[in-house]
Amino acid sequence: MAAISIPEVDPVDLERVYETRRELLARHPNHVIGTEFLAQHCKPGANIEALCQRASLLTIFATAPDEIRTRLVPWSKHEGAWDAAAFRVAARFPMDWYQRGMFCNEELEEFLKLLKTEGEN
């Protein structure tokens, strides 16, 4: 099956979805957050499925083992929060629908490389 790319998203919408999910799940663990609810926090027409997949990338990195998280410290804040550069990179980072939840070392290296470049801009 051919891979289908996850569309790029607006970094502001991505931050809203990520932060909304993070805050709600911190207060209500194991709850499901509906896409209609998340859409209320985004610009009209936002691709909520793509936003959720891209937010999941940041969640995976935020909950990764220490050896990975320590490499992301310059772009992370507290308790799983990220700075604006991380949202800009995650909003356009190459991802496909069939890769859900699986990221190899090469992809982490590419993400770090893009973060470093984004931080210089």
PDB file of N, CA and C in Angstrom:
ATOM      1  N   MET A   1       0.844  -1.171   0.000  1.00  0.00           N
ATOM      2  CA  MET A   1       0.000   0.000   0.000  1.00  0.00           C
ATOM      3  C   MET A   1       0.892   1.237   0.000  1.00  0.00           C
ATOM      4  N   ALA A   2       0.627   2.137  -0.902  1.00  0.00           N
ATOM      5  CA  ALA A   2       1.429   3.350  -1.016  1.00  0.00           C
ATOM      6  C   ALA A   2       1.139   4.292   0.152  1.00  0.00           C
ATOM      7  N   ALA A   3       2.171   4.936   0.606  1.00  0.00           N
ATOM      8  CA  ALA A   3       2.022   5.885   1.699  1.00  0.00           C
ATOM      9  C   ALA A   3       1.350   7.159   1.193  1.00  0.00           C
ATOM     10  N   ILE A   4       0.479   7.705   2.005  1.00  0.00           N
ATOM     11  CA  ILE A   4      -0.192   8.958   1.689  1.00  0.00           C
ATOM     12  C   ILE A   4       0.263   9.977   2.717  1.00  0.00           C
ATOM     13  N   SER A   5       0.788  11.094   2.243  1.00  0.00           N
ATOM     14  CA  SER A   5       1.322  12.116   3.142  1.00  0.00           C
ATOM     15  C   SER A   5       0.229  12.778   3.963  1.00  0.00           C
ATOM     16  N   ILE A   6       0.549  13.042   5.212  1.00  0.00           N
ATOM     17  CA  ILE A   6      -0.332  13.824   6.069  1.00  0.00           C
ATOM     18  C   ILE A   6      -0.127  15.277   5.671  1.00  0.00           C
ATOM     19  N   PRO A   7      -1.199  15.985   5.363  1.00  0.00           N
ATOM     20  CA  PRO A   7      -1.045  17.375   4.924  1.00  0.00           C
ATOM     21  C   PRO A   7      -0.388  18.254   5.981  1.00  0.00           C
ATOM     22  N   GLU A   8       0.305  19.275   5.505  1.00  0.00           N
ATOM     23  CA  GLU A   8       0.839  20.279   6.424  1.00  0.00           C
ATOM     24  C   GLU A   8      -0.332  21.020   7.036  1.00  0.00           C
ATOM     25  N   VAL A   9      -0.112  21.569   8.231  1.00  0.00           N
ATOM     26  CA  VAL A   9      -1.172  22.282   8.953  1.00  0.00           C
ATOM     27  C   VAL A   9      -0.648  23.626   9.434  1.00  0.00           C
ATOM     28  N   ASP A  10      -1.549  24.452   9.893  1.00  0.00           N
ATOM     29  CA  ASP A  10      -1.183  25.745  10.461  1.00  0.00           C
ATOM     30  C   ASP A  10      -0.561  25.512  11.841  1.00  0.00           C
ATOM     31  N   PRO A  11       0.635  26.051  12.103  1.00  0.00           N
ATOM     32  CA  PRO A  11       1.276  25.834  13.400  1.00  0.00           C
ATOM     33  C   PRO A  11       0.461  26.373  14.578  1.00  0.00           C
ATOM     34  N   VAL A  12      -0.298  27.429  14.358  1.00  0.00           N
ATOM     35  CA  VAL A  12      -1.127  27.979  15.440  1.00  0.00           C
ATOM     36  C   VAL A  12      -2.241  26.999  15.787  1.00  0.00           C
ATOM     37  N   ASP A  13      -2.883  26.423  14.771  1.00  0.00           N
ATOM     38  CA  ASP A  13      -3.905  25.409  15.020  1.00  0.00           C
ATOM     39  C   ASP A  13      -3.294  24.184  15.695  1.00  0.00           C
ATOM     40  N   LEU A  14      -2.106  23.802  15.261  1.00  0.00           N
ATOM     41  CA  LEU A  14      -1.432  22.653  15.857  1.00  0.00           C
ATOM     42  C   LEU A  14      -1.178  22.896  17.343  1.00  0.00           C
ATOM     43  N   GLU A  15      -0.710  24.074  17.680  1.00  0.00           N
ATOM     44  CA  GLU A  15      -0.473  24.383  19.093  1.00  0.00           C
ATOM     45  C   GLU A  15      -1.779  24.338  19.880  1.00  0.00           C
ATOM     46  N   ARG A  16      -2.841  24.861  19.317  1.00  0.00           N
ATOM     47  CA  ARG A  16      -4.141  24.850  20.006  1.00  0.00           C
ATOM     48  C   ARG A  16      -4.626  23.421  20.247  1.00  0.00           C
ATOM     49  N   VAL A  17      -4.525  22.570  19.230  1.00  0.00           N
ATOM     50  CA  VAL A  17      -4.953  21.178  19.377  1.00  0.00           C
ATOM     51  C   VAL A  17      -4.078  20.463  20.396  1.00  0.00           C
ATOM     52  N   TYR A  18      -2.765  20.610  20.280  1.00  0.00           N
ATOM     53  CA  TYR A  18      -1.846  19.946  21.196  1.00  0.00           C
ATOM     54  C   TYR A  18      -2.101  20.378  22.640  1.00  0.00           C
ATOM     55  N   GLU A  19      -2.177  21.681  22.864  1.00  0.00           N
ATOM     56  CA  GLU A  19      -2.352  22.195  24.224  1.00  0.00           C
ATOM     57  C   GLU A  19      -3.723  21.834  24.787  1.00  0.00           C
ATOM     58  N   THR A  20      -4.744  21.884  23.965  1.00  0.00           N
ATOM     59  CA  THR A  20      -6.081  21.500  24.427  1.00  0.00           C
ATOM     60  C   THR A  20      -6.091  20.043  24.859  1.00  0.00           C
ATOM     61  N   ARG A  21      -5.545  19.178  24.030  1.00  0.00           N
ATOM     62  CA  ARG A  21      -5.473  17.748  24.374  1.00  0.00           C
ATOM     63  C   ARG A  21      -4.642  17.530  25.635  1.00  0.00           C
ATOM     64  N   ARG A  22      -3.491  18.182  25.695  1.00  0.00           N
ATOM     65  CA  ARG A  22      -2.587  17.988  26.838  1.00  0.00           C
ATOM     66  C   ARG A  22      -3.253  18.418  28.142  1.00  0.00           C
ATOM     67  N   GLU A  23      -3.885  19.593  28.128  1.00  0.00           N
ATOM     68  CA  GLU A  23      -4.518  20.114  29.334  1.00  0.00           C
ATOM     69  C   GLU A  23      -5.718  19.271  29.756  1.00  0.00           C
ATOM     70  N   LEU A  24      -6.557  18.888  28.796  1.00  0.00           N
ATOM     71  CA  LEU A  24      -7.727  18.081  29.137  1.00  0.00           C
ATOM     72  C   LEU A  24      -7.350  16.694  29.636  1.00  0.00           C
ATOM     73  N   LEU A  25      -6.376  16.067  28.987  1.00  0.00           N
ATOM     74  CA  LEU A  25      -5.976  14.724  29.409  1.00  0.00           C
ATOM     75  C   LEU A  25      -5.249  14.744  30.748  1.00  0.00           C
ATOM     76  N   ALA A  26      -4.623  15.859  31.087  1.00  0.00           N
ATOM     77  CA  ALA A  26      -3.992  15.970  32.403  1.00  0.00           C
ATOM     78  C   ALA A  26      -5.058  15.980  33.500  1.00  0.00           C
ATOM     79  N   ARG A  27      -6.186  16.613  33.215  1.00  0.00           N
ATOM     80  CA  ARG A  27      -7.279  16.687  34.200  1.00  0.00           C
ATOM     81  C   ARG A  27      -8.189  15.480  34.143  1.00  0.00           C
ATOM     82  N   HIS A  28      -8.327  14.880  32.968  1.00  0.00           N
ATOM     83  CA  HIS A  28      -9.256  13.763  32.770  1.00  0.00           C
ATOM     84  C   HIS A  28      -8.555  12.640  32.003  1.00  0.00           C
ATOM     85  N   PRO A  29      -7.630  11.938  32.648  1.00  0.00           N
ATOM     86  CA  PRO A  29      -6.907  10.867  31.949  1.00  0.00           C
ATOM     87  C   PRO A  29      -7.877   9.808  31.393  1.00  0.00           C
ATOM     88  N   ASN A  30      -7.484   9.202  30.333  1.00  0.00           N
ATOM     89  CA  ASN A  30      -8.231   8.112  29.705  1.00  0.00           C
ATOM     90  C   ASN A  30      -9.550   8.543  29.077  1.00  0.00           C
ATOM     91  N   HIS A  31      -9.772   9.827  28.920  1.00  0.00           N
ATOM     92  CA  HIS A  31     -10.967  10.309  28.232  1.00  0.00           C
ATOM     93  C   HIS A  31     -10.651  10.489  26.746  1.00  0.00           C
ATOM     94  N   VAL A  32     -11.665  10.410  25.943  1.00  0.00           N
ATOM     95  CA  VAL A  32     -11.531  10.633  24.507  1.00  0.00           C
ATOM     96  C   VAL A  32     -11.985  12.054  24.215  1.00  0.00           C
ATOM     97  N   ILE A  33     -11.206  12.745  23.401  1.00  0.00           N
ATOM     98  CA  ILE A  33     -11.541  14.117  23.022  1.00  0.00           C
ATOM     99  C   ILE A  33     -12.011  14.086  21.575  1.00  0.00           C
ATOM    100  N   GLY A  34     -13.212  14.523  21.351  1.00  0.00           N
ATOM    101  CA  GLY A  34     -13.808  14.476  20.018  1.00  0.00           C
ATOM    102  C   GLY A  34     -13.234  15.505  19.066  1.00  0.00           C
ATOM    103  N   THR A  35     -13.243  15.159  17.799  1.00  0.00           N
ATOM    104  CA  THR A  35     -12.709  16.071  16.789  1.00  0.00           C
ATOM    105  C   THR A  35     -13.562  17.334  16.674  1.00  0.00           C
ATOM    106  N   GLU A  36     -14.871  17.220  16.916  1.00  0.00           N
ATOM    107  CA  GLU A  36     -15.728  18.404  16.860  1.00  0.00           C
ATOM    108  C   GLU A  36     -15.321  19.410  17.932  1.00  0.00           C
ATOM    109  N   PHE A  37     -14.982  18.901  19.109  1.00  0.00           N
ATOM    110  CA  PHE A  37     -14.534  19.779  20.185  1.00  0.00           C
ATOM    111  C   PHE A  37     -13.216  20.460  19.803  1.00  0.00           C
ATOM    112  N   LEU A  38     -12.278  19.699  19.261  1.00  0.00           N
ATOM    113  CA  LEU A  38     -10.990  20.269  18.868  1.00  0.00           C
ATOM    114  C   LEU A  38     -11.153  21.286  17.751  1.00  0.00           C
ATOM    115  N   ALA A  39     -12.092  21.032  16.840  1.00  0.00           N
ATOM    116  CA  ALA A  39     -12.315  21.948  15.723  1.00  0.00           C
ATOM    117  C   ALA A  39     -12.747  23.324  16.211  1.00  0.00           C
ATOM    118  N   GLN A  40     -13.387  23.384  17.356  1.00  0.00           N
ATOM    119  CA  GLN A  40     -13.826  24.667  17.912  1.00  0.00           C
ATOM    120  C   GLN A  40     -12.647  25.561  18.295  1.00  0.00           C
ATOM    121  N   HIS A  41     -11.475  24.965  18.445  1.00  0.00           N
ATOM    122  CA  HIS A  41     -10.278  25.701  18.853  1.00  0.00           C
ATOM    123  C   HIS A  41      -9.401  26.086  17.663  1.00  0.00           C
ATOM    124  N   CYS A  42      -9.858  25.757  16.450  1.00  0.00           N
ATOM    125  CA  CYS A  42      -9.047  25.984  15.249  1.00  0.00           C
ATOM    126  C   CYS A  42      -9.751  26.924  14.284  1.00  0.00           C
ATOM    127  N   LYS A  43      -8.982  27.336  13.296  1.00  0.00           N
ATOM    128  CA  LYS A  43      -9.547  28.159  12.232  1.00  0.00           C
ATOM    129  C   LYS A  43     -10.557  27.324  11.438  1.00  0.00           C
ATOM    130  N   PRO A  44     -11.562  27.959  10.857  1.00  0.00           N
ATOM    131  CA  PRO A  44     -12.527  27.218  10.031  1.00  0.00           C
ATOM    132  C   PRO A  44     -11.828  26.455   8.909  1.00  0.00           C
ATOM    133  N   GLY A  45     -12.268  25.234   8.693  1.00  0.00           N
ATOM    134  CA  GLY A  45     -11.715  24.414   7.616  1.00  0.00           C
ATOM    135  C   GLY A  45     -10.434  23.677   7.959  1.00  0.00           C
ATOM    136  N   ALA A  46      -9.972  23.795   9.192  1.00  0.00           N
ATOM    137  CA  ALA A  46      -8.733  23.108   9.588  1.00  0.00           C
ATOM    138  C   ALA A  46      -8.913  21.589   9.468  1.00  0.00           C
ATOM    139  N   ASN A  47      -7.868  20.919   9.042  1.00  0.00           N
ATOM    140  CA  ASN A  47      -7.888  19.459   8.903  1.00  0.00           C
ATOM    141  C   ASN A  47      -7.587  18.852  10.279  1.00  0.00           C
ATOM    142  N   ILE A  48      -8.644  18.519  11.007  1.00  0.00           N
ATOM    143  CA  ILE A  48      -8.496  18.059  12.393  1.00  0.00           C
ATOM    144  C   ILE A  48      -7.752  16.730  12.466  1.00  0.00           C
ATOM    145  N   GLU A  49      -8.012  15.830  11.533  1.00  0.00           N
ATOM    146  CA  GLU A  49      -7.302  14.548  11.554  1.00  0.00           C
ATOM    147  C   GLU A  49      -5.797  14.752  11.389  1.00  0.00           C
ATOM    148  N   ALA A  50      -5.414  15.607  10.450  1.00  0.00           N
ATOM    149  CA  ALA A  50      -3.992  15.894  10.245  1.00  0.00           C
ATOM    150  C   ALA A  50      -3.403  16.576  11.480  1.00  0.00           C
ATOM    151  N   LEU A  51      -4.146  17.497  12.054  1.00  0.00           N
ATOM    152  CA  LEU A  51      -3.679  18.176  13.274  1.00  0.00           C
ATOM    153  C   LEU A  51      -3.473  17.180  14.406  1.00  0.00           C
ATOM    154  N   CYS A  52      -4.398  16.247  14.565  1.00  0.00           N
ATOM    155  CA  CYS A  52      -4.267  15.249  15.637  1.00  0.00           C
ATOM    156  C   CYS A  52      -3.057  14.350  15.423  1.00  0.00           C
ATOM    157  N   GLN A  53      -2.821  13.942  14.185  1.00  0.00           N
ATOM    158  CA  GLN A  53      -1.654  13.095  13.910  1.00  0.00           C
ATOM    159  C   GLN A  53      -0.360  13.852  14.183  1.00  0.00           C
ATOM    160  N   ARG A  54      -0.312  15.106  13.801  1.00  0.00           N
ATOM    161  CA  ARG A  54       0.887  15.907  14.027  1.00  0.00           C
ATOM    162  C   ARG A  54       1.058  16.228  15.513  1.00  0.00           C
ATOM    163  N   ALA A  55      -0.034  16.431  16.224  1.00  0.00           N
ATOM    164  CA  ALA A  55       0.049  16.623  17.677  1.00  0.00           C
ATOM    165  C   ALA A  55       0.560  15.350  18.343  1.00  0.00           C
ATOM    166  N   SER A  56       0.186  14.204  17.801  1.00  0.00           N
ATOM    167  CA  SER A  56       0.661  12.927  18.347  1.00  0.00           C
ATOM    168  C   SER A  56       2.176  12.781  18.226  1.00  0.00           C
ATOM    169  N   LEU A  57       2.738  13.330  17.155  1.00  0.00           N
ATOM    170  CA  LEU A  57       4.196  13.312  17.004  1.00  0.00           C
ATOM    171  C   LEU A  57       4.848  14.011  18.194  1.00  0.00           C
ATOM    172  N   LEU A  58       4.337  15.190  18.543  1.00  0.00           N
ATOM    173  CA  LEU A  58       4.898  15.935  19.683  1.00  0.00           C
ATOM    174  C   LEU A  58       4.641  15.213  21.000  1.00  0.00           C
ATOM    175  N   THR A  59       3.513  14.534  21.113  1.00  0.00           N
ATOM    176  CA  THR A  59       3.224  13.753  22.319  1.00  0.00           C
ATOM    177  C   THR A  59       4.207  12.594  22.447  1.00  0.00           C
ATOM    178  N   ILE A  60       4.482  11.931  21.334  1.00  0.00           N
ATOM    179  CA  ILE A  60       5.454  10.825  21.354  1.00  0.00           C
ATOM    180  C   ILE A  60       6.813  11.339  21.806  1.00  0.00           C
ATOM    181  N   PHE A  61       7.247  12.473  21.264  1.00  0.00           N
ATOM    182  CA  PHE A  61       8.541  13.024  21.657  1.00  0.00           C
ATOM    183  C   PHE A  61       8.528  13.481  23.118  1.00  0.00           C
ATOM    184  N   ALA A  62       7.419  14.049  23.582  1.00  0.00           N
ATOM    185  CA  ALA A  62       7.333  14.539  24.963  1.00  0.00           C
ATOM    186  C   ALA A  62       7.349  13.407  25.981  1.00  0.00           C
ATOM    187  N   THR A  63       6.927  12.225  25.571  1.00  0.00           N
ATOM    188  CA  THR A  63       6.866  11.086  26.484  1.00  0.00           C
ATOM    189  C   THR A  63       7.921  10.025  26.153  1.00  0.00           C
ATOM    190  N   ALA A  64       8.854  10.380  25.300  1.00  0.00           N
ATOM    191  CA  ALA A  64       9.908   9.450  24.885  1.00  0.00           C
ATOM    192  C   ALA A  64      10.881   9.201  26.034  1.00  0.00           C
ATOM    193  N   PRO A  65      11.711   8.186  25.901  1.00  0.00           N
ATOM    194  CA  PRO A  65      12.740   7.942  26.914  1.00  0.00           C
ATOM    195  C   PRO A  65      13.661   9.158  27.077  1.00  0.00           C
ATOM    196  N   ASP A  66      14.289   9.250  28.236  1.00  0.00           N
ATOM    197  CA  ASP A  66      15.133  10.401  28.574  1.00  0.00           C
ATOM    198  C   ASP A  66      16.195  10.709  27.525  1.00  0.00           C
ATOM    199  N   GLU A  67      16.797   9.688  26.925  1.00  0.00           N
ATOM    200  CA  GLU A  67      17.878   9.940  25.959  1.00  0.00           C
ATOM    201  C   GLU A  67      17.373  10.688  24.727  1.00  0.00           C
ATOM    202  N   ILE A  68      16.095  10.563  24.432  1.00  0.00           N
ATOM    203  CA  ILE A  68      15.513  11.331  23.322  1.00  0.00           C
ATOM    204  C   ILE A  68      15.059  12.697  23.820  1.00  0.00           C
ATOM    205  N   ARG A  69      14.342  12.724  24.934  1.00  0.00           N
ATOM    206  CA  ARG A  69      13.816  13.995  25.451  1.00  0.00           C
ATOM    207  C   ARG A  69      14.918  14.999  25.750  1.00  0.00           C
ATOM    208  N   THR A  70      16.055  14.551  26.249  1.00  0.00           N
ATOM    209  CA  THR A  70      17.136  15.489  26.572  1.00  0.00           C
ATOM    210  C   THR A  70      17.657  16.189  25.325  1.00  0.00           C
ATOM    211  N   ARG A  71      17.566  15.543  24.178  1.00  0.00           N
ATOM    212  CA  ARG A  71      18.005  16.169  22.930  1.00  0.00           C
ATOM    213  C   ARG A  71      17.012  17.224  22.454  1.00  0.00           C
ATOM    214  N   LEU A  72      15.787  17.176  22.970  1.00  0.00           N
ATOM    215  CA  LEU A  72      14.733  18.111  22.577  1.00  0.00           C
ATOM    216  C   LEU A  72      14.544  19.241  23.580  1.00  0.00           C
ATOM    217  N   VAL A  73      15.319  19.242  24.649  1.00  0.00           N
ATOM    218  CA  VAL A  73      15.166  20.235  25.724  1.00  0.00           C
ATOM    219  C   VAL A  73      15.186  21.685  25.241  1.00  0.00           C
ATOM    220  N   PRO A  74      16.049  22.065  24.302  1.00  0.00           N
ATOM    221  CA  PRO A  74      16.037  23.481  23.885  1.00  0.00           C
ATOM    222  C   PRO A  74      14.691  23.962  23.340  1.00  0.00           C
ATOM    223  N   TRP A  75      13.833  23.047  22.911  1.00  0.00           N
ATOM    224  CA  TRP A  75      12.550  23.424  22.322  1.00  0.00           C
ATOM    225  C   TRP A  75      11.359  23.022  23.176  1.00  0.00           C
ATOM    226  N   SER A  76      11.635  22.415  24.319  1.00  0.00           N
ATOM    227  CA  SER A  76      10.536  22.020  25.184  1.00  0.00           C
ATOM    228  C   SER A  76      10.460  22.970  26.364  1.00  0.00           C
ATOM    229  N   LYS A  77       9.271  23.073  26.897  1.00  0.00           N
ATOM    230  CA  LYS A  77       9.058  23.930  28.057  1.00  0.00           C
ATOM    231  C   LYS A  77       8.899  23.021  29.266  1.00  0.00           C
ATOM    232  N   HIS A  78       7.809  23.102  29.938  1.00  0.00           N
ATOM    233  CA  HIS A  78       7.552  22.287  31.125  1.00  0.00           C
ATOM    234  C   HIS A  78       6.443  21.280  30.851  1.00  0.00           C
ATOM    235  N   GLU A  79       6.507  20.148  31.479  1.00  0.00           N
ATOM    236  CA  GLU A  79       5.444  19.141  31.473  1.00  0.00           C
ATOM    237  C   GLU A  79       4.867  18.852  30.092  1.00  0.00           C
ATOM    238  N   GLY A  80       5.720  18.668  29.106  1.00  0.00           N
ATOM    239  CA  GLY A  80       5.269  18.298  27.776  1.00  0.00           C
ATOM    240  C   GLY A  80       4.913  19.448  26.867  1.00  0.00           C
ATOM    241  N   ALA A  81       5.115  20.683  27.314  1.00  0.00           N
ATOM    242  CA  ALA A  81       4.824  21.845  26.461  1.00  0.00           C
ATOM    243  C   ALA A  81       6.003  22.097  25.522  1.00  0.00           C
ATOM    244  N   TRP A  82       5.717  22.742  24.389  1.00  0.00           N
ATOM    245  CA  TRP A  82       6.731  23.012  23.371  1.00  0.00           C
ATOM    246  C   TRP A  82       6.766  24.492  23.042  1.00  0.00           C
ATOM    247  N   ASP A  83       7.905  24.940  22.507  1.00  0.00           N
ATOM    248  CA  ASP A  83       7.982  26.332  22.063  1.00  0.00           C
ATOM    249  C   ASP A  83       7.468  26.430  20.617  1.00  0.00           C
ATOM    250  N   ALA A  84       7.364  27.655  20.121  1.00  0.00           N
ATOM    251  CA  ALA A  84       6.776  27.906  18.804  1.00  0.00           C
ATOM    252  C   ALA A  84       7.543  27.205  17.679  1.00  0.00           C
ATOM    253  N   ALA A  85       8.859  27.102  17.784  1.00  0.00           N
ATOM    254  CA  ALA A  85       9.648  26.445  16.731  1.00  0.00           C
ATOM    255  C   ALA A  85       9.239  24.981  16.572  1.00  0.00           C
ATOM    256  N   ALA A  86       8.982  24.302  17.668  1.00  0.00           N
ATOM    257  CA  ALA A  86       8.576  22.891  17.599  1.00  0.00           C
ATOM    258  C   ALA A  86       7.243  22.749  16.869  1.00  0.00           C
ATOM    259  N   PHE A  87       6.312  23.664  17.122  1.00  0.00           N
ATOM    260  CA  PHE A  87       5.026  23.605  16.425  1.00  0.00           C
ATOM    261  C   PHE A  87       5.181  23.915  14.938  1.00  0.00           C
ATOM    262  N   ARG A  88       6.056  24.854  14.603  1.00  0.00           N
ATOM    263  CA  ARG A  88       6.271  25.172  13.187  1.00  0.00           C
ATOM    264  C   ARG A  88       6.872  23.982  12.444  1.00  0.00           C
ATOM    265  N   VAL A  89       7.827  23.307  13.068  1.00  0.00           N
ATOM    266  CA  VAL A  89       8.451  22.148  12.413  1.00  0.00           C
ATOM    267  C   VAL A  89       7.470  20.986  12.342  1.00  0.00           C
ATOM    268  N   ALA A  90       6.782  20.694  13.437  1.00  0.00           N
ATOM    269  CA  ALA A  90       5.831  19.573  13.441  1.00  0.00           C
ATOM    270  C   ALA A  90       4.686  19.810  12.459  1.00  0.00           C
ATOM    271  N   ALA A  91       4.344  21.055  12.203  1.00  0.00           N
ATOM    272  CA  ALA A  91       3.256  21.376  11.283  1.00  0.00           C
ATOM    273  C   ALA A  91       3.593  21.011   9.838  1.00  0.00           C
ATOM    274  N   ARG A  92       4.868  20.918   9.517  1.00  0.00           N
ATOM    275  CA  ARG A  92       5.251  20.630   8.129  1.00  0.00           C
ATOM    276  C   ARG A  92       6.175  19.406   7.998  1.00  0.00           C
ATOM    277  N   PHE A  93       6.524  18.779   9.103  1.00  0.00           N
ATOM    278  CA  PHE A  93       7.416  17.621   9.079  1.00  0.00           C
ATOM    279  C   PHE A  93       6.814  16.515   8.203  1.00  0.00           C
ATOM    280  N   PRO A  94       7.609  15.916   7.303  1.00  0.00           N
ATOM    281  CA  PRO A  94       7.072  14.856   6.436  1.00  0.00           C
ATOM    282  C   PRO A  94       6.576  13.655   7.251  1.00  0.00           C
ATOM    283  N   MET A  95       5.302  13.373   7.123  1.00  0.00           N
ATOM    284  CA  MET A  95       4.685  12.229   7.804  1.00  0.00           C
ATOM    285  C   MET A  95       3.695  11.587   6.847  1.00  0.00           C
ATOM    286  N   ASP A  96       3.418  10.294   7.042  1.00  0.00           N
ATOM    287  CA  ASP A  96       2.377   9.671   6.248  1.00  0.00           C
ATOM    288  C   ASP A  96       1.402   8.927   7.150  1.00  0.00           C
ATOM    289  N   TRP A  97       0.231   8.663   6.621  1.00  0.00           N
ATOM    290  CA  TRP A  97      -0.855   8.061   7.402  1.00  0.00           C
ATOM    291  C   TRP A  97      -0.533   6.649   7.856  1.00  0.00           C
ATOM    292  N   TYR A  98       0.336   5.935   7.158  1.00  0.00           N
ATOM    293  CA  TYR A  98       0.608   4.544   7.502  1.00  0.00           C
ATOM    294  C   TYR A  98       1.748   4.396   8.490  1.00  0.00           C
ATOM    295  N   GLN A  99       2.247   5.481   8.969  1.00  0.00           N
ATOM    296  CA  GLN A  99       3.410   5.492   9.846  1.00  0.00           C
ATOM    297  C   GLN A  99       2.989   5.752  11.296  1.00  0.00           C
ATOM    298  N   ARG A 100       1.731   5.831  11.568  1.00  0.00           N
ATOM    299  CA  ARG A 100       1.192   6.250  12.861  1.00  0.00           C
ATOM    300  C   ARG A 100       1.949   5.658  14.044  1.00  0.00           C
ATOM    301  N   GLY A 101       2.457   6.550  14.865  1.00  0.00           N
ATOM    302  CA  GLY A 101       3.084   6.145  16.116  1.00  0.00           C
ATOM    303  C   GLY A 101       4.443   5.501  15.988  1.00  0.00           C
ATOM    304  N   MET A 102       4.989   5.447  14.787  1.00  0.00           N
ATOM    305  CA  MET A 102       6.279   4.799  14.605  1.00  0.00           C
ATOM    306  C   MET A 102       7.254   5.798  13.993  1.00  0.00           C
ATOM    307  N   PHE A 103       8.316   6.082  14.697  1.00  0.00           N
ATOM    308  CA  PHE A 103       9.317   7.010  14.196  1.00  0.00           C
ATOM    309  C   PHE A 103      10.681   6.402  14.462  1.00  0.00           C
ATOM    310  N   CYS A 104      11.497   6.356  13.441  1.00  0.00           N
ATOM    311  CA  CYS A 104      12.812   5.758  13.588  1.00  0.00           C
ATOM    312  C   CYS A 104      13.844   6.838  13.924  1.00  0.00           C
ATOM    313  N   ASN A 105      15.030   6.425  14.230  1.00  0.00           N
ATOM    314  CA  ASN A 105      16.096   7.331  14.621  1.00  0.00           C
ATOM    315  C   ASN A 105      16.388   8.365  13.532  1.00  0.00           C
ATOM    316  N   GLU A 106      16.337   7.961  12.263  1.00  0.00           N
ATOM    317  CA  GLU A 106      16.591   8.892  11.166  1.00  0.00           C
ATOM    318  C   GLU A 106      15.562  10.020  11.153  1.00  0.00           C
ATOM    319  N   GLU A 107      14.320   9.692  11.462  1.00  0.00           N
ATOM    320  CA  GLU A 107      13.271  10.717  11.493  1.00  0.00           C
ATOM    321  C   GLU A 107      13.471  11.665  12.668  1.00  0.00           C
ATOM    322  N   LEU A 108      13.889  11.127  13.800  1.00  0.00           N
ATOM    323  CA  LEU A 108      14.203  11.987  14.945  1.00  0.00           C
ATOM    324  C   LEU A 108      15.347  12.920  14.589  1.00  0.00           C
ATOM    325  N   GLU A 109      16.374  12.411  13.924  1.00  0.00           N
ATOM    326  CA  GLU A 109      17.503  13.244  13.521  1.00  0.00           C
ATOM    327  C   GLU A 109      17.060  14.347  12.572  1.00  0.00           C
ATOM    328  N   GLU A 110      16.186  14.011  11.630  1.00  0.00           N
ATOM    329  CA  GLU A 110      15.674  15.012  10.691  1.00  0.00           C
ATOM    330  C   GLU A 110      14.842  16.062  11.428  1.00  0.00           C
ATOM    331  N   PHE A 111      14.025  15.635  12.373  1.00  0.00           N
ATOM    332  CA  PHE A 111      13.219  16.569  13.159  1.00  0.00           C
ATOM    333  C   PHE A 111      14.134  17.519  13.937  1.00  0.00           C
ATOM    334  N   LEU A 112      15.170  16.977  14.566  1.00  0.00           N
ATOM    335  CA  LEU A 112      16.133  17.807  15.308  1.00  0.00           C
ATOM    336  C   LEU A 112      16.845  18.792  14.381  1.00  0.00           C
ATOM    337  N   LYS A 113      17.229  18.330  13.202  1.00  0.00           N
ATOM    338  CA  LYS A 113      17.896  19.198  12.234  1.00  0.00           C
ATOM    339  C   LYS A 113      16.992  20.373  11.842  1.00  0.00           C
ATOM    340  N   LEU A 114      15.720  20.074  11.585  1.00  0.00           N
ATOM    341  CA  LEU A 114      14.766  21.122  11.235  1.00  0.00           C
ATOM    342  C   LEU A 114      14.528  22.073  12.406  1.00  0.00           C
ATOM    343  N   LEU A 115      14.485  21.543  13.633  1.00  0.00           N
ATOM    344  CA  LEU A 115      14.330  22.406  14.806  1.00  0.00           C
ATOM    345  C   LEU A 115      15.500  23.371  14.940  1.00  0.00           C
ATOM    346  N   LYS A 116      16.711  22.856  14.738  1.00  0.00           N
ATOM    347  CA  LYS A 116      17.887  23.710  14.842  1.00  0.00           C
ATOM    348  C   LYS A 116      17.843  24.825  13.791  1.00  0.00           C
ATOM    349  N   THR A 117      17.448  24.464  12.568  1.00  0.00           N
ATOM    350  CA  THR A 117      17.337  25.457  11.498  1.00  0.00           C
ATOM    351  C   THR A 117      16.243  26.466  11.813  1.00  0.00           C
ATOM    352  N   GLU A 118      15.111  25.989  12.287  1.00  0.00           N
ATOM    353  CA  GLU A 118      13.981  26.864  12.615  1.00  0.00           C
ATOM    354  C   GLU A 118      14.358  27.840  13.727  1.00  0.00           C
ATOM    355  N   GLY A 119      15.142  27.380  14.681  1.00  0.00           N
ATOM    356  CA  GLY A 119      15.568  28.233  15.779  1.00  0.00           C
ATOM    357  C   GLY A 119      16.480  29.356  15.341  1.00  0.00           C
ATOM    358  N   GLU A 120      17.154  29.175  14.203  1.00  0.00           N
ATOM    359  CA  GLU A 120      18.056  30.208  13.681  1.00  0.00           C
ATOM    360  C   GLU A 120      17.298  31.284  12.918  1.00  0.00           C
ATOM    361  N   ASN A 121      16.066  31.003  12.530  1.00  0.00           N
ATOM    362  CA  ASN A 121      15.261  31.961  11.740  1.00  0.00           C
ATOM    363  C   ASN A 121      14.538  32.949  12.641  1.00  0.00           C
TER     364      ASN A 121
END
